[in-house]
Each structure stands twice: as C-alpha cells, then as structure tokens.
Protein backbone atom coordinates (compact mmCIF):
# COMPACT_ATOMS: atom_id res chain seq x y z
CA MET A 1 14.13 21.14 -14.15
CA THR A 2 17.84 20.73 -13.43
CA ASN A 3 19.10 17.61 -11.70
CA LEU A 4 21.55 18.58 -8.93
CA ALA A 5 22.20 15.20 -7.30
CA PHE A 6 20.84 11.69 -7.29
CA ASN A 7 21.26 8.65 -5.08
CA LYS A 8 22.99 6.00 -7.20
CA ARG A 9 22.61 3.19 -4.68
CA ALA A 10 18.90 3.70 -3.99
CA LYS A 11 17.57 1.68 -6.95
CA TYR A 12 20.12 -1.08 -6.35
CA ASP A 13 19.62 -1.45 -2.59
CA TYR A 14 15.89 -0.70 -2.37
CA GLU A 15 12.63 -1.49 -4.13
CA ILE A 16 10.91 1.87 -4.60
CA LEU A 17 7.17 1.58 -3.90
CA LYS A 18 6.07 5.23 -4.13
CA LYS A 19 7.79 8.55 -4.85
CA TYR A 20 7.19 11.90 -3.14
CA GLU A 21 8.39 15.43 -3.77
CA ALA A 22 9.14 17.99 -1.07
CA GLY A 23 10.73 21.38 -0.74
CA ILE A 24 13.79 21.68 1.47
CA GLU A 25 14.55 24.43 3.98
CA LEU A 26 18.08 25.72 3.29
CA THR A 27 20.16 28.74 4.22
CA GLY A 28 21.37 31.15 1.51
CA PRO A 29 24.90 29.76 1.15
CA GLU A 30 23.51 26.19 1.10
CA VAL A 31 21.22 27.11 -1.82
CA LYS A 32 24.17 28.52 -3.78
CA SER A 33 26.28 25.48 -3.02
CA ALA A 34 23.45 23.09 -3.97
CA LYS A 35 22.89 24.90 -7.27
CA LEU A 36 26.61 24.39 -7.99
CA LYS A 37 25.92 20.63 -7.59
CA GLN A 38 28.02 20.37 -4.42
CA ILE A 39 25.51 18.09 -2.73
CA SER A 40 25.66 14.38 -1.90
CA LEU A 41 22.83 12.04 -0.86
CA LYS A 42 25.14 9.12 -0.05
CA GLY A 43 24.05 7.56 3.24
CA SER A 44 21.20 10.02 3.79
CA HIS A 45 17.61 9.19 4.72
CA VAL A 46 14.29 10.86 5.52
CA THR A 47 12.42 10.60 8.79
CA ILE A 48 9.10 11.89 10.11
CA LYS A 49 9.30 13.29 13.64
CA ASP A 50 6.79 15.48 15.51
CA GLY A 51 4.62 15.85 12.39
CA GLN A 52 7.52 17.19 10.28
CA GLY A 53 9.69 15.64 7.57
CA TRP A 54 13.47 15.76 8.10
CA LEU A 55 16.37 15.02 5.77
CA LEU A 56 19.25 13.50 7.73
CA ASN A 57 22.90 13.10 6.79
CA CYS A 58 22.70 14.91 3.43
CA HIS A 59 26.08 16.54 2.75
CA ILE A 60 26.07 20.05 1.26
CA SER A 61 29.60 21.39 0.88
CA PRO A 62 30.23 24.87 2.30
CA TYR A 63 29.92 27.73 -0.18
CA LYS A 64 33.41 29.13 -0.68
CA LYS A 65 32.43 32.81 -0.68
CA ALA A 66 30.34 32.63 2.51
CA ARG A 67 31.38 32.69 6.16
CA LEU A 68 32.15 29.19 7.36
CA GLU A 69 32.05 29.71 11.13
CA GLY A 70 30.03 26.96 12.78
CA TYR A 71 28.75 25.47 9.52
CA ASP A 72 27.79 21.78 9.70
CA PRO A 73 27.60 20.27 6.17
CA THR A 74 25.52 17.25 7.31
CA ARG A 75 23.03 19.05 9.55
CA THR A 76 19.41 17.88 9.70
CA ARG A 77 17.27 19.85 7.24
CA LYS A 78 13.51 20.32 7.34
CA LEU A 79 11.39 19.07 4.44
CA LEU A 80 8.36 21.12 3.41
CA LEU A 81 5.40 18.75 3.15
CA HIS A 82 1.64 19.13 3.48
CA LYS A 83 0.01 17.67 6.59
CA LYS A 84 -2.03 15.20 4.47
CA GLU A 85 1.16 13.92 2.81
CA ILE A 86 2.83 13.44 6.20
CA ASP A 87 -0.19 11.54 7.53
CA SER A 88 -0.24 9.35 4.40
CA ILE A 89 3.48 8.59 4.72
CA LEU A 90 3.17 7.81 8.42
CA GLY A 91 0.34 5.35 7.71
CA LYS A 92 2.45 3.53 5.13
CA LEU A 93 5.60 3.59 7.30
CA LYS A 94 3.83 1.57 9.98
CA GLN A 95 4.11 -1.44 7.66
CA ARG A 96 7.10 -3.59 8.50
CA GLY A 97 10.35 -3.05 6.62
CA LEU A 98 9.58 0.25 4.89
CA THR A 99 11.84 3.29 4.96
CA LEU A 100 12.16 6.71 3.31
CA ILE A 101 15.21 7.20 1.07
CA PRO A 102 16.06 10.40 -0.86
CA LEU A 103 16.34 9.64 -4.58
CA GLY A 104 17.37 13.00 -5.99
CA VAL A 105 17.65 16.76 -5.58
CA TYR A 106 16.67 19.11 -8.39
CA THR A 107 15.47 22.63 -9.12
CA LYS A 108 11.90 23.29 -10.17
CA ARG A 109 10.91 26.86 -11.09
CA GLY A 110 13.93 28.17 -9.19
CA LEU A 111 13.17 26.21 -6.01
CA ILE A 112 15.19 23.29 -4.73
CA LYS A 113 13.16 20.09 -4.35
CA VAL A 114 13.95 16.66 -2.93
CA GLU A 115 12.45 13.50 -4.40
CA PHE A 116 12.28 10.67 -1.91
CA GLY A 117 10.74 7.26 -2.07
CA LEU A 118 8.93 4.89 0.21
CA CYS A 119 11.22 1.87 -0.10
CA ARG A 120 11.63 -1.73 0.97
CA GLY A 121 15.17 -3.07 1.27
CA LYS A 122 16.20 -5.73 -1.26
CA ARG A 123 17.70 -8.99 -0.06
CA LYS A 124 21.08 -10.20 -1.25
CA TYR A 125 19.63 -12.86 -3.57
CA GLU A 126 17.35 -10.26 -5.23
CA LYS A 127 20.39 -8.11 -6.00
CA ARG A 128 22.23 -11.13 -7.44
CA GLU A 129 19.25 -11.96 -9.67
CA LEU A 130 19.19 -8.37 -10.93
CA ILE A 131 22.91 -8.53 -11.81
CA LYS A 132 22.46 -11.89 -13.63
CA LYS A 133 19.51 -10.53 -15.60
CA ARG A 134 21.45 -7.40 -16.58
CA GLU A 135 24.47 -9.48 -17.70
CA ALA A 136 22.24 -11.75 -19.81
CA GLU A 137 20.63 -8.75 -21.52
CA ARG A 138 24.07 -7.27 -22.18
CA LYS A 139 25.26 -10.53 -23.81
CA ILE A 140 22.15 -10.65 -26.01
CA ARG A 141 22.67 -7.05 -27.14
CA ARG A 142 26.35 -7.76 -27.87
CA ALA A 143 25.46 -10.86 -29.91
CA LEU A 144 22.80 -8.98 -31.90
CA ARG A 145 25.14 -6.08 -32.54
CA GLY A 146 27.81 -8.52 -33.78
CA LYS A 147 25.37 -10.10 -36.27
CA LEU A 148 24.16 -6.73 -37.57
CA GLU A 149 27.66 -5.49 -38.43
C-alpha cells in the first residue's frame, strides 16, 4: 500500500468519527499522474448525490505526456461504493453538523483508493486546547531528554 496524498488539515479541523474506503473512477492519464503523487486533497470534500458518492474539488495535475485539450484538473470524480455503504453514510449524514472529508489517497493491489471520514467540525476553542496540550507534551519531552543526557 503506497500513500499518494493525504489531507493534512483534516485531523486538525475535524473530529473523525468513522473512516470509509472507496475506489475512484479516473481516466488513464489521471491514474498515471496520481501514481506520480501529483494529487492534492486540499479543500476537497465528498458528497452523496442520486445514490452515488462523488469526490469534489480534488486536484490531479495533468499528465505531461498525455493530451491536455479540455482537461479539468478539479473535475468531480465518482467514488465506487456499495449500495449498503451509501445508505449507511446517508443515514449518519442526516445528523446535524456531519460532513464527509477525504483523508488520503493510496494504492491497494494496483488500484487507487480514497479514504474518507465522517467528520464533525472542531470549534476554535477545541483547536486551541489541542495546541496547548501538544506544547505541554513537547516541553515535558524536552525536559526529560535534558535530564537523561
């Protein structure tokens, strides 16, 4: 399993409640470009419309050796999910304040997969608490490392 891209801001901005895995429908040049790690999940999200999963605003750079006429790098791409998974996700999305955010793109047995999570947005004070906690842990580690040397 090779990690091609991951969403750095997802864990900071959102509380991830449940993770899902889906295949992604890509064209040939998009697959080659994605395998060269020319993919960005910044600002992208997942939506369920008409019983299908869709990945919106994911940027896949054009493959240099392919024809570029009419290529849209941020086009909407279909996610390959089972009907039961879609129904389960839809049931959970009806709860207030939940959204679907892509967490990473990777290869699995030669296929490109997207991991996305059912997330709840964090509030500003929750983010501040997380930063304070991380700083405190860092100071403790520094102090312990200083005593050990």
